[in-house]
Each structure stands twice: as C-alpha cells, then as structure tokens.
Amino acid sequence: MAVISDQTARGAKPRDRAGGRTRARAVGLPLLLNAVSVGLGIAVWWALALAGLKLPTPPEVVTQAITLIGNGTLGKDVLASLTRVLIGFALGTAAAVPVGFLMGWYAVVRGLVEPWIQFFRTVPPLAIIPLAIVLMGIGEAPKIFVIFLAAFLACVISTFQGVVNVDRTLINAARVLGAKDAGIFARVVVPASTPFILVGMRVGLGSAWATLVAAELIAAQQGLGFRMQNAQLYYDLPTIFVGLISIGILGLLMDRILLVAERKLTGWQERR
C-alpha cells in the first residue's frame, strides 16, 4: 500500500506541474498579445504623425500628460469625471436591474414600461441635455442624469432579456417541486440572469463613459470632457489626446473589474 501511495503521489506531481504550466500559458498569452497590440497601435500612430497627418506624436502627448499631472490639472479632471461616471452608472444599474426583472417576469409591467424604454433608447443623450438644463439647472444633477440614462437604458434591456431567456424547463421543474414564485425568482431566475446582467453592466459602463463628454458640455469647470472641449478651442491636440487616452484607460480598468466579477459570479458557466 505504501508503494502504491508513493507512486500515486509521484504521478500527481507531474500532472500538477503540467496543470500549472497550462494555466500560466492561458494567462500569459493574452497579456502578451495585449502588449503586442498596444505596441503596434502606438507604432502606427507614430508613423501616421511622422507621415504628415495632423496628429501629435506619442512623446508630445506624454510630455503634455506630465505637465498636466505636475500642475494637478489632470488629477482634478480625472476625479471629477470619475465621480460623475460612478454615480451615474451606479444609479443607472441600481434602477435597471429591478425594472428589467419586473419587465421580464410580469407581462403587465412589460406592456406598460417597454414602449417607454424603447422610445428613450432611440433618443441620443446629447438630445436630452437641453431638457435636463431647463429642468435641473447647470449644476451636477443634469450631468449625472444624462450618464444615468445612458447606463440605465443599456443595462435594463440586457436584464430583461436575461429573465425572458431563462429555460422554462427549470421554472416548471421548480414549480413541480413545490417552489413558490419568490423561491423560483431567487433560486432560478436571478442566477440564470446574472450573466446577462453583468454583460448589461459592461455595456452600460461603456455608454456612461461615451456620454461623459456630452454631459460635461453642461457648464462644467472640471473634467476630462471639459478639458478636451476647452483644448479644442485652442487647437491643443496633445491635451485632447491626453483626455482621450485617460478616458480609455479608466474605462478599460473598470471594465476589467466587471469582467473579474463576472467570472467569479458565473463560474458555473461554460467558457471558451
């Protein structure tokens, strides 16, 4: 028995090492490809700038970023924009999830609410700005409201689709086993809809950042969108690029956080 156990332990160690190498490759290869992609993108950008296209070179953008960081401008702008996006996105998601669940679960709620959801989805947030200014003034409220609306409309549709696409067999099986509506909702519908909700949150986050520049048209004094619009007046392309890159990096980091949460909460789901 001791010999068999020893042989089994020796056999398990190579398998463990092989599994570790496979996991390392699975993590390392995407990171390597990402780095190559970023390097190629910067190289193409630099080549276009040197070819005479009216673009600042990467060193010019880096120099301007260092200047803006040094005088505190970039930090204040990032904080202002990040605060607006986080508040608008959080409020939009908090409202979208229950509304999406109700629309998917109750046909009456769907009939009452869905036409309005579809109506406002076709109206760009930029078109809402004049109305938001009239109703809410020129403070932070209209800026956050426009971002809220963008995040809400993206997330509510995804949540609604998640509830509608729940396998009816699972619901019927739960009813046969004696589960009530509340139990079915909590134990079947919510877990099955979670991947849709998280995808909707990622799309809503992208919509929130995309709406930021339009939202900061409303009498903003700080923010990445405001800084880019102000730089446009002086044809300050390096500052515009600093704003674009900052928005892209912040959005990417927040999306990666949601992606990690998605993998943790939907570990049961098969992935390619």
C-alpha atoms as a PDB file:
ATOM      1  CA  MET A   1       0.000   0.000   0.000  1.00  0.00           C
ATOM      2  CA  ALA A   2       2.853   2.378   0.821  1.00  0.00           C
ATOM      3  CA  VAL A   3       4.455   1.677  -2.581  1.00  0.00           C
ATOM      4  CA  ILE A   4       1.170   2.375  -4.398  1.00  0.00           C
ATOM      5  CA  SER A   5       0.638   5.604  -2.460  1.00  0.00           C
ATOM      6  CA  ASP A   6       4.171   6.731  -3.258  1.00  0.00           C
ATOM      7  CA  GLN A   7       3.703   6.008  -6.960  1.00  0.00           C
ATOM      8  CA  THR A   8       0.376   7.858  -6.953  1.00  0.00           C
ATOM      9  CA  ALA A   9       1.965  10.899  -5.285  1.00  0.00           C
ATOM     10  CA  ARG A  10       4.820  10.882  -7.829  1.00  0.00           C
ATOM     11  CA  GLY A  11       2.268  10.682 -10.668  1.00  0.00           C
ATOM     12  CA  ALA A  12       0.213  13.517  -9.252  1.00  0.00           C
ATOM     13  CA  LYS A  13       3.157  15.931  -9.090  1.00  0.00           C
ATOM     14  CA  PRO A  14       3.845  15.965 -12.863  1.00  0.00           C
ATOM     15  CA  ARG A  15       0.139  16.421 -13.504  1.00  0.00           C
ATOM     16  CA  ASP A  16       0.038  19.350 -11.066  1.00  0.00           C
ATOM     17  CA  ARG A  17       3.070  20.916 -12.705  1.00  0.00           C
ATOM     18  CA  ALA A  18       1.559  20.419 -16.167  1.00  0.00           C
ATOM     19  CA  GLY A  19      -1.697  21.995 -14.999  1.00  0.00           C
ATOM     20  CA  GLY A  20       0.199  24.942 -13.557  1.00  0.00           C
ATOM     21  CA  ARG A  21       2.081  25.472 -16.823  1.00  0.00           C
ATOM     22  CA  THR A  22      -1.203  25.308 -18.782  1.00  0.00           C
ATOM     23  CA  ARG A  23      -2.815  27.905 -16.509  1.00  0.00           C
ATOM     24  CA  ALA A  24       0.272  30.134 -16.789  1.00  0.00           C
ATOM     25  CA  ARG A  25       0.141  29.928 -20.582  1.00  0.00           C
ATOM     26  CA  ALA A  26      -3.602  30.654 -20.546  1.00  0.00           C
ATOM     27  CA  VAL A  27      -2.950  33.842 -18.557  1.00  0.00           C
ATOM     28  CA  GLY A  28       0.366  34.853 -20.114  1.00  0.00           C
ATOM     29  CA  LEU A  29      -0.580  34.517 -23.782  1.00  0.00           C
ATOM     30  CA  PRO A  30      -3.494  37.011 -23.711  1.00  0.00           C
ATOM     31  CA  LEU A  31      -1.327  39.506 -21.793  1.00  0.00           C
ATOM     32  CA  LEU A  32       1.453  39.105 -24.345  1.00  0.00           C
ATOM     33  CA  LEU A  33      -0.984  39.603 -27.221  1.00  0.00           C
ATOM     34  CA  ASN A  34      -2.414  42.677 -25.489  1.00  0.00           C
ATOM     35  CA  ALA A  35       1.068  44.149 -25.108  1.00  0.00           C
ATOM     36  CA  VAL A  36       1.883  43.435 -28.767  1.00  0.00           C
ATOM     37  CA  SER A  37      -1.407  45.030 -29.843  1.00  0.00           C
ATOM     38  CA  VAL A  38      -0.734  48.186 -27.800  1.00  0.00           C
ATOM     39  CA  GLY A  39       2.823  48.417 -29.155  1.00  0.00           C
ATOM     40  CA  LEU A  40       1.599  48.063 -32.743  1.00  0.00           C
ATOM     41  CA  GLY A  41      -1.090  50.690 -32.163  1.00  0.00           C
ATOM     42  CA  ILE A  42       1.452  53.195 -30.833  1.00  0.00           C
ATOM     43  CA  ALA A  43       3.786  52.421 -33.747  1.00  0.00           C
ATOM     44  CA  VAL A  44       1.018  53.038 -36.303  1.00  0.00           C
ATOM     45  CA  TRP A  45       0.004  56.264 -34.525  1.00  0.00           C
ATOM     46  CA  TRP A  46       3.630  57.479 -34.527  1.00  0.00           C
ATOM     47  CA  ALA A  47       4.077  56.581 -38.193  1.00  0.00           C
ATOM     48  CA  LEU A  48       0.912  58.470 -39.183  1.00  0.00           C
ATOM     49  CA  ALA A  49       2.088  61.541 -37.240  1.00  0.00           C
ATOM     50  CA  LEU A  50       5.528  61.440 -38.908  1.00  0.00           C
ATOM     51  CA  ALA A  51       3.882  60.950 -42.309  1.00  0.00           C
ATOM     52  CA  GLY A  52       2.321  64.393 -42.065  1.00  0.00           C
ATOM     53  CA  LEU A  53      -1.110  63.620 -40.656  1.00  0.00           C
ATOM     54  CA  LYS A  54      -2.169  66.319 -38.195  1.00  0.00           C
ATOM     55  CA  LEU A  55      -1.601  64.204 -35.102  1.00  0.00           C
ATOM     56  CA  PRO A  56       0.665  64.802 -32.101  1.00  0.00           C
ATOM     57  CA  THR A  57       3.436  62.249 -31.669  1.00  0.00           C
ATOM     58  CA  PRO A  58       3.429  59.947 -28.626  1.00  0.00           C
ATOM     59  CA  PRO A  59       6.333  61.861 -26.971  1.00  0.00           C
ATOM     60  CA  GLU A  60       4.384  65.139 -27.313  1.00  0.00           C
ATOM     61  CA  VAL A  61       1.357  63.555 -25.653  1.00  0.00           C
ATOM     62  CA  VAL A  62       3.491  62.094 -22.859  1.00  0.00           C
ATOM     63  CA  THR A  63       5.127  65.486 -22.277  1.00  0.00           C
ATOM     64  CA  GLN A  64       1.719  67.180 -22.068  1.00  0.00           C
ATOM     65  CA  ALA A  65       0.430  64.480 -19.718  1.00  0.00           C
ATOM     66  CA  ILE A  66       3.433  65.035 -17.417  1.00  0.00           C
ATOM     67  CA  THR A  67       2.732  68.788 -17.450  1.00  0.00           C
ATOM     68  CA  LEU A  68      -0.955  68.295 -16.615  1.00  0.00           C
ATOM     69  CA  ILE A  69      -0.098  65.825 -13.859  1.00  0.00           C
ATOM     70  CA  GLY A  70       2.539  68.148 -12.456  1.00  0.00           C
ATOM     71  CA  ASN A  71       0.231  71.145 -12.112  1.00  0.00           C
ATOM     72  CA  GLY A  72      -2.598  68.989 -10.730  1.00  0.00           C
ATOM     73  CA  THR A  73      -4.974  69.608 -13.630  1.00  0.00           C
ATOM     74  CA  LEU A  74      -5.214  66.010 -14.821  1.00  0.00           C
ATOM     75  CA  GLY A  75      -5.792  64.639 -11.326  1.00  0.00           C
ATOM     76  CA  LYS A  76      -8.664  67.055 -10.686  1.00  0.00           C
ATOM     77  CA  ASP A  77     -10.193  66.330 -14.091  1.00  0.00           C
ATOM     78  CA  VAL A  78      -9.961  62.565 -13.596  1.00  0.00           C
ATOM     79  CA  LEU A  79     -11.540  62.824 -10.138  1.00  0.00           C
ATOM     80  CA  ALA A  80     -14.410  64.999 -11.405  1.00  0.00           C
ATOM     81  CA  SER A  81     -15.170  62.766 -14.396  1.00  0.00           C
ATOM     82  CA  LEU A  82     -14.766  59.527 -12.457  1.00  0.00           C
ATOM     83  CA  THR A  83     -17.143  60.764  -9.755  1.00  0.00           C
ATOM     84  CA  ARG A  84     -19.810  61.652 -12.322  1.00  0.00           C
ATOM     85  CA  VAL A  85     -19.470  58.341 -14.151  1.00  0.00           C
ATOM     86  CA  LEU A  86     -19.509  56.242 -10.978  1.00  0.00           C
ATOM     87  CA  ILE A  87     -22.575  57.981  -9.545  1.00  0.00           C
ATOM     88  CA  GLY A  88     -24.495  57.911 -12.836  1.00  0.00           C
ATOM     89  CA  PHE A  89     -23.508  54.308 -13.568  1.00  0.00           C
ATOM     90  CA  ALA A  90     -24.332  53.093 -10.049  1.00  0.00           C
ATOM     91  CA  LEU A  91     -27.739  54.789 -10.049  1.00  0.00           C
ATOM     92  CA  GLY A  92     -28.492  53.561 -13.574  1.00  0.00           C
ATOM     93  CA  THR A  93     -27.602  49.971 -12.731  1.00  0.00           C
ATOM     94  CA  ALA A  94     -29.495  50.049  -9.428  1.00  0.00           C
ATOM     95  CA  ALA A  95     -32.627  51.194 -11.260  1.00  0.00           C
ATOM     96  CA  ALA A  96     -32.184  48.983 -14.348  1.00  0.00           C
ATOM     97  CA  VAL A  97     -31.879  45.618 -12.610  1.00  0.00           C
ATOM     98  CA  PRO A  98     -35.232  45.645 -10.745  1.00  0.00           C
ATOM     99  CA  VAL A  99     -37.043  47.245 -13.705  1.00  0.00           C
ATOM    100  CA  GLY A 100     -35.590  44.610 -16.049  1.00  0.00           C
ATOM    101  CA  PHE A 101     -36.614  41.811 -13.697  1.00  0.00           C
ATOM    102  CA  LEU A 102     -40.165  43.149 -13.426  1.00  0.00           C
ATOM    103  CA  MET A 103     -40.448  43.580 -17.200  1.00  0.00           C
ATOM    104  CA  GLY A 104     -39.264  40.032 -17.804  1.00  0.00           C
ATOM    105  CA  TRP A 105     -41.346  38.390 -15.078  1.00  0.00           C
ATOM    106  CA  TYR A 106     -44.657  40.247 -15.339  1.00  0.00           C
ATOM    107  CA  ALA A 107     -46.298  40.716 -18.737  1.00  0.00           C
ATOM    108  CA  VAL A 108     -48.362  43.666 -17.434  1.00  0.00           C
ATOM    109  CA  VAL A 109     -45.247  45.587 -16.371  1.00  0.00           C
ATOM    110  CA  ARG A 110     -43.615  44.746 -19.698  1.00  0.00           C
ATOM    111  CA  GLY A 111     -46.567  46.121 -21.632  1.00  0.00           C
ATOM    112  CA  LEU A 112     -46.584  49.339 -19.604  1.00  0.00           C
ATOM    113  CA  VAL A 113     -42.843  50.038 -19.457  1.00  0.00           C
ATOM    114  CA  GLU A 114     -41.279  48.587 -22.600  1.00  0.00           C
ATOM    115  CA  PRO A 115     -42.625  51.222 -25.054  1.00  0.00           C
ATOM    116  CA  TRP A 116     -41.019  53.982 -22.991  1.00  0.00           C
ATOM    117  CA  ILE A 117     -37.729  52.089 -22.724  1.00  0.00           C
ATOM    118  CA  GLN A 118     -37.609  51.575 -26.479  1.00  0.00           C
ATOM    119  CA  PHE A 119     -38.623  55.202 -27.095  1.00  0.00           C
ATOM    120  CA  PHE A 120     -35.829  56.673 -24.982  1.00  0.00           C
ATOM    121  CA  ARG A 121     -33.278  54.201 -26.375  1.00  0.00           C
ATOM    122  CA  THR A 122     -33.646  55.883 -29.766  1.00  0.00           C
ATOM    123  CA  VAL A 123     -33.085  59.361 -28.323  1.00  0.00           C
ATOM    124  CA  PRO A 124     -29.336  60.157 -28.026  1.00  0.00           C
ATOM    125  CA  PRO A 125     -28.249  61.518 -24.632  1.00  0.00           C
ATOM    126  CA  LEU A 126     -26.993  64.673 -26.349  1.00  0.00           C
ATOM    127  CA  ALA A 127     -30.596  65.483 -27.290  1.00  0.00           C
ATOM    128  CA  ILE A 128     -31.635  65.228 -23.623  1.00  0.00           C
ATOM    129  CA  ILE A 129     -29.160  67.892 -22.498  1.00  0.00           C
ATOM    130  CA  PRO A 130     -31.312  70.981 -23.274  1.00  0.00           C
ATOM    131  CA  LEU A 131     -34.257  69.484 -21.387  1.00  0.00           C
ATOM    132  CA  ALA A 132     -32.003  68.457 -18.487  1.00  0.00           C
ATOM    133  CA  ILE A 133     -30.631  72.008 -18.222  1.00  0.00           C
ATOM    134  CA  VAL A 134     -34.136  73.529 -18.192  1.00  0.00           C
ATOM    135  CA  LEU A 135     -35.419  71.115 -15.551  1.00  0.00           C
ATOM    136  CA  MET A 136     -32.312  70.719 -13.368  1.00  0.00           C
ATOM    137  CA  GLY A 137     -30.192  73.820 -13.913  1.00  0.00           C
ATOM    138  CA  ILE A 138     -26.480  73.767 -14.684  1.00  0.00           C
ATOM    139  CA  GLY A 139     -25.108  72.009 -11.603  1.00  0.00           C
ATOM    140  CA  GLU A 140     -24.021  68.394 -11.255  1.00  0.00           C
ATOM    141  CA  ALA A 141     -27.572  66.968 -11.420  1.00  0.00           C
ATOM    142  CA  PRO A 142     -28.075  67.220 -15.221  1.00  0.00           C
ATOM    143  CA  LYS A 143     -24.596  65.811 -15.928  1.00  0.00           C
ATOM    144  CA  ILE A 144     -25.205  62.803 -13.703  1.00  0.00           C
ATOM    145  CA  PHE A 145     -28.746  62.385 -15.067  1.00  0.00           C
ATOM    146  CA  VAL A 146     -27.530  62.100 -18.672  1.00  0.00           C
ATOM    147  CA  ILE A 147     -24.935  59.494 -17.659  1.00  0.00           C
ATOM    148  CA  PHE A 148     -27.546  57.688 -15.542  1.00  0.00           C
ATOM    149  CA  LEU A 149     -29.896  57.499 -18.520  1.00  0.00           C
ATOM    150  CA  ALA A 150     -27.229  56.042 -20.810  1.00  0.00           C
ATOM    151  CA  ALA A 151     -26.264  53.351 -18.276  1.00  0.00           C
ATOM    152  CA  PHE A 152     -29.873  52.574 -17.343  1.00  0.00           C
ATOM    153  CA  LEU A 153     -31.082  52.014 -20.911  1.00  0.00           C
ATOM    154  CA  ALA A 154     -28.170  49.709 -21.756  1.00  0.00           C
ATOM    155  CA  CYS A 155     -28.499  47.607 -18.597  1.00  0.00           C
ATOM    156  CA  VAL A 156     -32.303  47.325 -18.410  1.00  0.00           C
ATOM    157  CA  ILE A 157     -32.604  45.706 -21.835  1.00  0.00           C
ATOM    158  CA  SER A 158     -29.919  43.138 -21.034  1.00  0.00           C
ATOM    159  CA  THR A 159     -31.545  42.281 -17.686  1.00  0.00           C
ATOM    160  CA  PHE A 160     -34.948  41.963 -19.361  1.00  0.00           C
ATOM    161  CA  GLN A 161     -33.514  39.594 -21.986  1.00  0.00           C
ATOM    162  CA  GLY A 162     -31.866  37.549 -19.262  1.00  0.00           C
ATOM    163  CA  VAL A 163     -35.183  36.950 -17.485  1.00  0.00           C
ATOM    164  CA  VAL A 164     -37.041  36.216 -20.725  1.00  0.00           C
ATOM    165  CA  ASN A 165     -34.405  33.682 -21.823  1.00  0.00           C
ATOM    166  CA  VAL A 166     -34.485  31.627 -18.615  1.00  0.00           C
ATOM    167  CA  ASP A 167     -35.117  27.996 -19.532  1.00  0.00           C
ATOM    168  CA  ARG A 168     -38.815  27.269 -18.916  1.00  0.00           C
ATOM    169  CA  THR A 169     -37.910  23.687 -18.028  1.00  0.00           C
ATOM    170  CA  LEU A 170     -36.062  24.911 -14.938  1.00  0.00           C
ATOM    171  CA  ILE A 171     -39.019  27.050 -13.865  1.00  0.00           C
ATOM    172  CA  ASN A 172     -41.514  24.224 -14.405  1.00  0.00           C
ATOM    173  CA  ALA A 173     -39.290  21.762 -12.519  1.00  0.00           C
ATOM    174  CA  ALA A 174     -39.117  24.179  -9.581  1.00  0.00           C
ATOM    175  CA  ARG A 175     -42.923  24.516  -9.582  1.00  0.00           C
ATOM    176  CA  VAL A 176     -43.339  20.730  -9.608  1.00  0.00           C
ATOM    177  CA  LEU A 177     -41.065  20.544  -6.578  1.00  0.00           C
ATOM    178  CA  GLY A 178     -43.370  22.987  -4.769  1.00  0.00           C
ATOM    179  CA  ALA A 179     -41.397  26.213  -5.069  1.00  0.00           C
ATOM    180  CA  LYS A 180     -43.356  29.462  -4.893  1.00  0.00           C
ATOM    181  CA  ASP A 181     -42.792  32.477  -7.130  1.00  0.00           C
ATOM    182  CA  ALA A 182     -40.409  34.112  -4.667  1.00  0.00           C
ATOM    183  CA  GLY A 183     -38.303  30.954  -4.407  1.00  0.00           C
ATOM    184  CA  ILE A 184     -38.241  30.444  -8.173  1.00  0.00           C
ATOM    185  CA  PHE A 185     -37.251  34.044  -8.677  1.00  0.00           C
ATOM    186  CA  ALA A 186     -34.437  33.919  -6.106  1.00  0.00           C
ATOM    187  CA  ARG A 187     -33.070  30.435  -6.872  1.00  0.00           C
ATOM    188  CA  VAL A 188     -33.695  30.055 -10.605  1.00  0.00           C
ATOM    189  CA  VAL A 189     -34.331  33.365 -12.372  1.00  0.00           C
ATOM    190  CA  VAL A 190     -31.704  35.516 -10.657  1.00  0.00           C
ATOM    191  CA  PRO A 191     -28.786  33.050 -11.074  1.00  0.00           C
ATOM    192  CA  ALA A 192     -29.743  32.322 -14.700  1.00  0.00           C
ATOM    193  CA  SER A 193     -30.000  36.051 -15.473  1.00  0.00           C
ATOM    194  CA  THR A 194     -26.734  37.043 -13.785  1.00  0.00           C
ATOM    195  CA  PRO A 195     -24.553  36.666 -16.934  1.00  0.00           C
ATOM    196  CA  PHE A 196     -26.957  38.925 -18.847  1.00  0.00           C
ATOM    197  CA  ILE A 197     -26.974  41.499 -16.037  1.00  0.00           C
ATOM    198  CA  LEU A 198     -23.183  41.642 -15.908  1.00  0.00           C
ATOM    199  CA  VAL A 199     -22.919  41.971 -19.686  1.00  0.00           C
ATOM    200  CA  GLY A 200     -25.507  44.762 -19.489  1.00  0.00           C
ATOM    201  CA  MET A 201     -23.435  46.453 -16.780  1.00  0.00           C
ATOM    202  CA  ARG A 202     -20.352  46.328 -19.014  1.00  0.00           C
ATOM    203  CA  VAL A 203     -22.281  47.808 -21.927  1.00  0.00           C
ATOM    204  CA  GLY A 204     -23.813  50.398 -19.590  1.00  0.00           C
ATOM    205  CA  LEU A 205     -20.371  51.344 -18.302  1.00  0.00           C
ATOM    206  CA  GLY A 206     -19.180  51.918 -21.861  1.00  0.00           C
ATOM    207  CA  SER A 207     -22.255  54.033 -22.558  1.00  0.00           C
ATOM    208  CA  ALA A 208     -21.630  56.064 -19.401  1.00  0.00           C
ATOM    209  CA  TRP A 209     -18.071  56.900 -20.438  1.00  0.00           C
ATOM    210  CA  ALA A 210     -19.183  57.606 -24.018  1.00  0.00           C
ATOM    211  CA  THR A 211     -21.767  60.066 -22.679  1.00  0.00           C
ATOM    212  CA  LEU A 212     -19.316  61.806 -20.351  1.00  0.00           C
ATOM    213  CA  VAL A 213     -18.006  64.316 -22.901  1.00  0.00           C
ATOM    214  CA  ALA A 214     -21.566  65.332 -23.854  1.00  0.00           C
ATOM    215  CA  ALA A 215     -22.552  65.558 -20.176  1.00  0.00           C
ATOM    216  CA  GLU A 216     -19.641  67.882 -19.444  1.00  0.00           C
ATOM    217  CA  LEU A 217     -20.927  70.317 -22.053  1.00  0.00           C
ATOM    218  CA  ILE A 218     -23.279  71.491 -19.280  1.00  0.00           C
ATOM    219  CA  ALA A 219     -21.310  74.358 -17.710  1.00  0.00           C
ATOM    220  CA  ALA A 220     -18.572  72.116 -16.331  1.00  0.00           C
ATOM    221  CA  GLN A 221     -15.460  73.683 -14.830  1.00  0.00           C
ATOM    222  CA  GLN A 222     -13.509  70.441 -14.414  1.00  0.00           C
ATOM    223  CA  GLY A 223     -13.488  67.035 -16.053  1.00  0.00           C
ATOM    224  CA  LEU A 224     -11.810  65.208 -18.915  1.00  0.00           C
ATOM    225  CA  GLY A 225     -14.591  66.070 -21.342  1.00  0.00           C
ATOM    226  CA  PHE A 226     -14.473  69.723 -20.341  1.00  0.00           C
ATOM    227  CA  ARG A 227     -10.670  69.789 -20.741  1.00  0.00           C
ATOM    228  CA  MET A 228     -10.916  68.274 -24.228  1.00  0.00           C
ATOM    229  CA  GLN A 229     -13.574  70.756 -25.325  1.00  0.00           C
ATOM    230  CA  ASN A 230     -11.528  73.638 -23.955  1.00  0.00           C
ATOM    231  CA  ALA A 231      -8.407  72.341 -25.750  1.00  0.00           C
ATOM    232  CA  GLN A 232     -10.384  72.179 -28.990  1.00  0.00           C
ATOM    233  CA  LEU A 233     -10.809  75.963 -28.932  1.00  0.00           C
ATOM    234  CA  TYR A 234      -7.018  76.416 -28.959  1.00  0.00           C
ATOM    235  CA  TYR A 235      -6.293  73.512 -31.315  1.00  0.00           C
ATOM    236  CA  ASP A 236      -4.375  71.860 -28.478  1.00  0.00           C
ATOM    237  CA  LEU A 237      -4.169  68.321 -29.874  1.00  0.00           C
ATOM    238  CA  PRO A 238      -1.805  66.873 -27.205  1.00  0.00           C
ATOM    239  CA  THR A 239      -4.278  67.811 -24.444  1.00  0.00           C
ATOM    240  CA  ILE A 240      -7.141  66.288 -26.435  1.00  0.00           C
ATOM    241  CA  PHE A 241      -5.154  63.062 -26.786  1.00  0.00           C
ATOM    242  CA  VAL A 242      -4.349  63.044 -23.069  1.00  0.00           C
ATOM    243  CA  GLY A 243      -8.088  63.272 -22.356  1.00  0.00           C
ATOM    244  CA  LEU A 244      -8.948  60.535 -24.854  1.00  0.00           C
ATOM    245  CA  ILE A 245      -6.293  58.178 -23.513  1.00  0.00           C
ATOM    246  CA  SER A 246      -7.295  58.886 -19.890  1.00  0.00           C
ATOM    247  CA  ILE A 247     -10.939  58.075 -20.620  1.00  0.00           C
ATOM    248  CA  GLY A 248      -9.902  54.915 -22.465  1.00  0.00           C
ATOM    249  CA  ILE A 249      -7.636  53.704 -19.650  1.00  0.00           C
ATOM    250  CA  LEU A 250     -10.194  54.408 -16.912  1.00  0.00           C
ATOM    251  CA  GLY A 251     -12.947  52.719 -18.900  1.00  0.00           C
ATOM    252  CA  LEU A 252     -10.731  49.709 -19.602  1.00  0.00           C
ATOM    253  CA  LEU A 253      -9.765  49.302 -15.940  1.00  0.00           C
ATOM    254  CA  MET A 254     -13.383  49.499 -14.790  1.00  0.00           C
ATOM    255  CA  ASP A 255     -14.437  47.030 -17.484  1.00  0.00           C
ATOM    256  CA  ARG A 256     -11.753  44.586 -16.338  1.00  0.00           C
ATOM    257  CA  ILE A 257     -13.055  44.841 -12.765  1.00  0.00           C
ATOM    258  CA  LEU A 258     -16.545  43.935 -14.002  1.00  0.00           C
ATOM    259  CA  LEU A 259     -15.067  41.093 -16.063  1.00  0.00           C
ATOM    260  CA  VAL A 260     -13.375  39.636 -12.987  1.00  0.00           C
ATOM    261  CA  ALA A 261     -16.667  39.915 -11.072  1.00  0.00           C
ATOM    262  CA  GLU A 262     -18.456  38.185 -13.938  1.00  0.00           C
ATOM    263  CA  ARG A 263     -16.031  35.264 -13.850  1.00  0.00           C
ATOM    264  CA  LYS A 264     -16.371  34.943 -10.087  1.00  0.00           C
ATOM    265  CA  LEU A 265     -20.183  35.079 -10.080  1.00  0.00           C
ATOM    266  CA  THR A 266     -20.722  32.888 -13.134  1.00  0.00           C
ATOM    267  CA  GLY A 267     -18.030  30.265 -12.594  1.00  0.00           C
ATOM    268  CA  TRP A 268     -20.599  27.568 -13.370  1.00  0.00           C
ATOM    269  CA  GLN A 269     -20.955  28.834 -16.939  1.00  0.00           C
ATOM    270  CA  GLU A 270     -19.003  27.122 -19.699  1.00  0.00           C
ATOM    271  CA  ARG A 271     -16.396  29.342 -21.363  1.00  0.00           C
ATOM    272  CA  ARG A 272     -14.325  29.070 -24.491  1.00  0.00           C
END
